[in-house]
Amino acid sequence: MTIRSTILVNIQKIAAAYERDIAASLNDDVALFDSGLDSLCFAVLVVRLEDELGLDPLSSVAKFPVTIGDLIKLYENSAKQ
């Protein structure tokens, strides 16, 4: 599974587990704020991604990603390092 698909699948799973309505289309331009997930859901997402991907790029960034595309790029770039 790619980093992109891992992130998107986990967003969907977390939304279902926490009974959140997520954006109809989880494309790169959707703002994380508008995705339907709240701060608890994002915390769960970060922990799951660290477990599954072995990456925690958010611990070293000064600015949190704004869109889903930004989040995906952050993880993809971290995997390349």
N, C-alpha and C. Protein backbone atom coordinates (compact mmCIF):
# COMPACT_ATOMS: atom_id res chain seq x y z
N MET A 1 0.85 -1.17 0.00
CA MET A 1 0.00 0.00 0.00
C MET A 1 0.90 1.25 0.00
N THR A 2 0.53 2.24 -0.76
CA THR A 2 1.32 3.46 -0.82
C THR A 2 1.06 4.33 0.41
N ILE A 3 1.91 5.32 0.61
CA ILE A 3 1.71 6.25 1.72
C ILE A 3 0.38 6.97 1.53
N ARG A 4 0.10 7.41 0.32
CA ARG A 4 -1.15 8.10 0.03
C ARG A 4 -2.36 7.24 0.42
N SER A 5 -2.37 6.02 -0.05
CA SER A 5 -3.52 5.15 0.24
C SER A 5 -3.60 4.81 1.72
N THR A 6 -2.47 4.64 2.38
CA THR A 6 -2.46 4.37 3.82
C THR A 6 -3.09 5.52 4.58
N ILE A 7 -2.75 6.75 4.21
CA ILE A 7 -3.31 7.92 4.88
C ILE A 7 -4.81 8.02 4.62
N LEU A 8 -5.22 7.88 3.37
CA LEU A 8 -6.64 8.01 3.03
C LEU A 8 -7.49 6.91 3.66
N VAL A 9 -6.99 5.69 3.66
CA VAL A 9 -7.73 4.58 4.28
C VAL A 9 -7.87 4.82 5.78
N ASN A 10 -6.80 5.30 6.41
CA ASN A 10 -6.87 5.55 7.85
C ASN A 10 -7.81 6.70 8.18
N ILE A 11 -7.86 7.72 7.35
CA ILE A 11 -8.82 8.81 7.57
C ILE A 11 -10.24 8.25 7.54
N GLN A 12 -10.52 7.40 6.58
CA GLN A 12 -11.85 6.80 6.46
C GLN A 12 -12.18 5.91 7.66
N LYS A 13 -11.23 5.10 8.09
CA LYS A 13 -11.45 4.21 9.23
C LYS A 13 -11.68 5.00 10.51
N ILE A 14 -10.89 6.03 10.72
CA ILE A 14 -11.02 6.84 11.94
C ILE A 14 -12.35 7.58 11.92
N ALA A 15 -12.73 8.12 10.78
CA ALA A 15 -14.01 8.80 10.67
C ALA A 15 -15.16 7.86 11.02
N ALA A 16 -15.09 6.64 10.53
CA ALA A 16 -16.14 5.67 10.83
C ALA A 16 -16.14 5.31 12.32
N ALA A 17 -14.96 5.10 12.89
CA ALA A 17 -14.87 4.71 14.29
C ALA A 17 -15.38 5.81 15.23
N TYR A 18 -15.17 7.06 14.85
CA TYR A 18 -15.59 8.19 15.69
C TYR A 18 -16.87 8.84 15.18
N GLU A 19 -17.54 8.15 14.26
CA GLU A 19 -18.82 8.59 13.72
C GLU A 19 -18.78 10.03 13.21
N ARG A 20 -17.76 10.31 12.40
CA ARG A 20 -17.59 11.63 11.79
C ARG A 20 -17.98 11.53 10.32
N ASP A 21 -18.62 12.57 9.83
CA ASP A 21 -18.92 12.67 8.40
C ASP A 21 -17.73 13.35 7.74
N ILE A 22 -17.07 12.62 6.86
CA ILE A 22 -15.89 13.20 6.19
C ILE A 22 -16.29 13.79 4.85
N ALA A 23 -15.41 14.60 4.31
CA ALA A 23 -15.64 15.22 3.01
C ALA A 23 -15.94 14.13 1.97
N ALA A 24 -16.85 14.43 1.09
CA ALA A 24 -17.27 13.46 0.08
C ALA A 24 -16.09 13.02 -0.80
N SER A 25 -15.22 13.95 -1.07
CA SER A 25 -14.05 13.66 -1.89
C SER A 25 -12.80 14.04 -1.11
N LEU A 26 -12.02 13.07 -0.74
CA LEU A 26 -10.78 13.34 0.00
C LEU A 26 -9.64 13.58 -0.99
N ASN A 27 -9.73 14.68 -1.72
CA ASN A 27 -8.67 14.99 -2.67
C ASN A 27 -7.63 15.90 -2.03
N ASP A 28 -6.56 16.14 -2.75
CA ASP A 28 -5.43 16.91 -2.21
C ASP A 28 -5.79 18.32 -1.81
N ASP A 29 -6.81 18.90 -2.39
CA ASP A 29 -7.15 20.29 -2.12
C ASP A 29 -8.06 20.48 -0.90
N VAL A 30 -8.57 19.42 -0.34
CA VAL A 30 -9.46 19.54 0.82
C VAL A 30 -8.64 19.96 2.04
N ALA A 31 -9.06 21.04 2.66
CA ALA A 31 -8.38 21.50 3.88
C ALA A 31 -8.62 20.49 4.98
N LEU A 32 -7.60 20.22 5.76
CA LEU A 32 -7.76 19.28 6.88
C LEU A 32 -8.87 19.73 7.80
N PHE A 33 -8.98 21.03 7.99
CA PHE A 33 -10.04 21.60 8.84
C PHE A 33 -11.43 21.25 8.30
N ASP A 34 -11.56 21.11 6.98
CA ASP A 34 -12.84 20.81 6.34
C ASP A 34 -13.03 19.33 6.05
N SER A 35 -12.09 18.50 6.47
CA SER A 35 -12.16 17.08 6.15
C SER A 35 -13.24 16.34 6.93
N GLY A 36 -13.65 16.90 8.06
CA GLY A 36 -14.64 16.25 8.91
C GLY A 36 -14.04 15.65 10.17
N LEU A 37 -12.72 15.56 10.24
CA LEU A 37 -12.06 15.04 11.43
C LEU A 37 -11.79 16.16 12.42
N ASP A 38 -11.87 15.84 13.70
CA ASP A 38 -11.54 16.83 14.72
C ASP A 38 -10.13 16.58 15.24
N SER A 39 -9.71 17.34 16.25
CA SER A 39 -8.33 17.23 16.74
C SER A 39 -8.03 15.85 17.34
N LEU A 40 -8.99 15.24 18.00
CA LEU A 40 -8.78 13.89 18.54
C LEU A 40 -8.56 12.91 17.39
N CYS A 41 -9.35 13.02 16.34
CA CYS A 41 -9.21 12.14 15.19
C CYS A 41 -7.84 12.31 14.53
N PHE A 42 -7.36 13.56 14.45
CA PHE A 42 -6.03 13.79 13.87
C PHE A 42 -4.94 13.19 14.74
N ALA A 43 -5.10 13.27 16.05
CA ALA A 43 -4.12 12.67 16.95
C ALA A 43 -4.08 11.15 16.74
N VAL A 44 -5.24 10.55 16.62
CA VAL A 44 -5.32 9.11 16.36
C VAL A 44 -4.68 8.79 15.01
N LEU A 45 -4.94 9.62 14.02
CA LEU A 45 -4.35 9.41 12.69
C LEU A 45 -2.83 9.44 12.75
N VAL A 46 -2.26 10.41 13.45
CA VAL A 46 -0.81 10.53 13.54
C VAL A 46 -0.21 9.30 14.22
N VAL A 47 -0.85 8.82 15.28
CA VAL A 47 -0.36 7.63 15.98
C VAL A 47 -0.44 6.41 15.09
N ARG A 48 -1.54 6.24 14.39
CA ARG A 48 -1.69 5.09 13.49
C ARG A 48 -0.65 5.13 12.37
N LEU A 49 -0.44 6.33 11.81
CA LEU A 49 0.53 6.44 10.73
C LEU A 49 1.94 6.15 11.23
N GLU A 50 2.24 6.57 12.43
CA GLU A 50 3.57 6.25 12.99
C GLU A 50 3.72 4.74 13.16
N ASP A 51 2.66 4.08 13.64
CA ASP A 51 2.70 2.62 13.80
C ASP A 51 2.84 1.91 12.45
N GLU A 52 2.07 2.33 11.47
CA GLU A 52 2.05 1.63 10.19
C GLU A 52 3.22 2.00 9.28
N LEU A 53 3.61 3.26 9.29
CA LEU A 53 4.64 3.72 8.36
C LEU A 53 6.01 3.89 9.01
N GLY A 54 6.02 3.93 10.34
CA GLY A 54 7.28 4.16 11.05
C GLY A 54 7.79 5.58 10.88
N LEU A 55 6.88 6.50 10.61
CA LEU A 55 7.24 7.89 10.37
C LEU A 55 6.46 8.81 11.30
N ASP A 56 7.13 9.87 11.77
CA ASP A 56 6.46 10.91 12.55
C ASP A 56 6.99 12.27 12.13
N PRO A 57 6.71 12.67 10.88
CA PRO A 57 7.26 13.94 10.39
C PRO A 57 6.65 15.16 11.07
N LEU A 58 5.51 15.00 11.70
CA LEU A 58 4.86 16.14 12.35
C LEU A 58 5.61 16.61 13.59
N SER A 59 6.44 15.75 14.15
CA SER A 59 7.18 16.14 15.35
C SER A 59 8.29 17.14 15.04
N SER A 60 8.64 17.29 13.77
CA SER A 60 9.76 18.16 13.43
C SER A 60 9.37 19.32 12.50
N VAL A 61 8.08 19.55 12.32
CA VAL A 61 7.66 20.67 11.47
C VAL A 61 7.19 21.83 12.33
N ALA A 62 7.43 23.02 11.82
CA ALA A 62 7.01 24.22 12.55
C ALA A 62 5.57 24.58 12.23
N LYS A 63 5.10 24.15 11.07
CA LYS A 63 3.75 24.50 10.63
C LYS A 63 3.01 23.23 10.25
N PHE A 64 1.83 23.05 10.83
CA PHE A 64 1.01 21.88 10.53
C PHE A 64 0.49 21.98 9.10
N PRO A 65 0.42 20.86 8.37
CA PRO A 65 -0.09 20.87 6.99
C PRO A 65 -1.51 21.43 6.94
N VAL A 66 -1.84 22.09 5.85
CA VAL A 66 -3.15 22.74 5.72
C VAL A 66 -4.15 21.85 4.98
N THR A 67 -3.69 21.16 3.96
CA THR A 67 -4.58 20.33 3.14
C THR A 67 -4.19 18.85 3.25
N ILE A 68 -5.07 18.01 2.76
CA ILE A 68 -4.77 16.59 2.71
C ILE A 68 -3.54 16.35 1.84
N GLY A 69 -3.43 17.08 0.75
CA GLY A 69 -2.26 16.96 -0.12
C GLY A 69 -0.98 17.33 0.61
N ASP A 70 -1.03 18.39 1.42
CA ASP A 70 0.14 18.80 2.21
C ASP A 70 0.55 17.69 3.18
N LEU A 71 -0.44 17.07 3.81
CA LEU A 71 -0.17 15.99 4.76
C LEU A 71 0.49 14.80 4.06
N ILE A 72 -0.05 14.44 2.91
CA ILE A 72 0.50 13.32 2.15
C ILE A 72 1.93 13.62 1.71
N LYS A 73 2.17 14.82 1.19
CA LYS A 73 3.52 15.20 0.75
C LYS A 73 4.49 15.18 1.92
N LEU A 74 4.07 15.64 3.08
CA LEU A 74 4.94 15.63 4.25
C LEU A 74 5.39 14.21 4.58
N TYR A 75 4.46 13.26 4.57
CA TYR A 75 4.82 11.87 4.85
C TYR A 75 5.66 11.27 3.72
N GLU A 76 5.32 11.56 2.48
CA GLU A 76 6.10 11.03 1.36
C GLU A 76 7.53 11.56 1.39
N ASN A 77 7.70 12.85 1.65
CA ASN A 77 9.03 13.44 1.72
C ASN A 77 9.81 12.88 2.90
N SER A 78 9.16 12.64 4.00
CA SER A 78 9.83 12.08 5.17
C SER A 78 10.32 10.65 4.88
N ALA A 79 9.55 9.90 4.11
CA ALA A 79 9.93 8.53 3.78
C ALA A 79 11.17 8.49 2.88
N LYS A 80 11.39 9.55 2.10
CA LYS A 80 12.53 9.61 1.20
C LYS A 80 13.85 9.92 1.92
N GLN A 81 13.76 10.46 3.11
CA GLN A 81 14.95 10.87 3.84
C GLN A 81 15.60 9.73 4.57
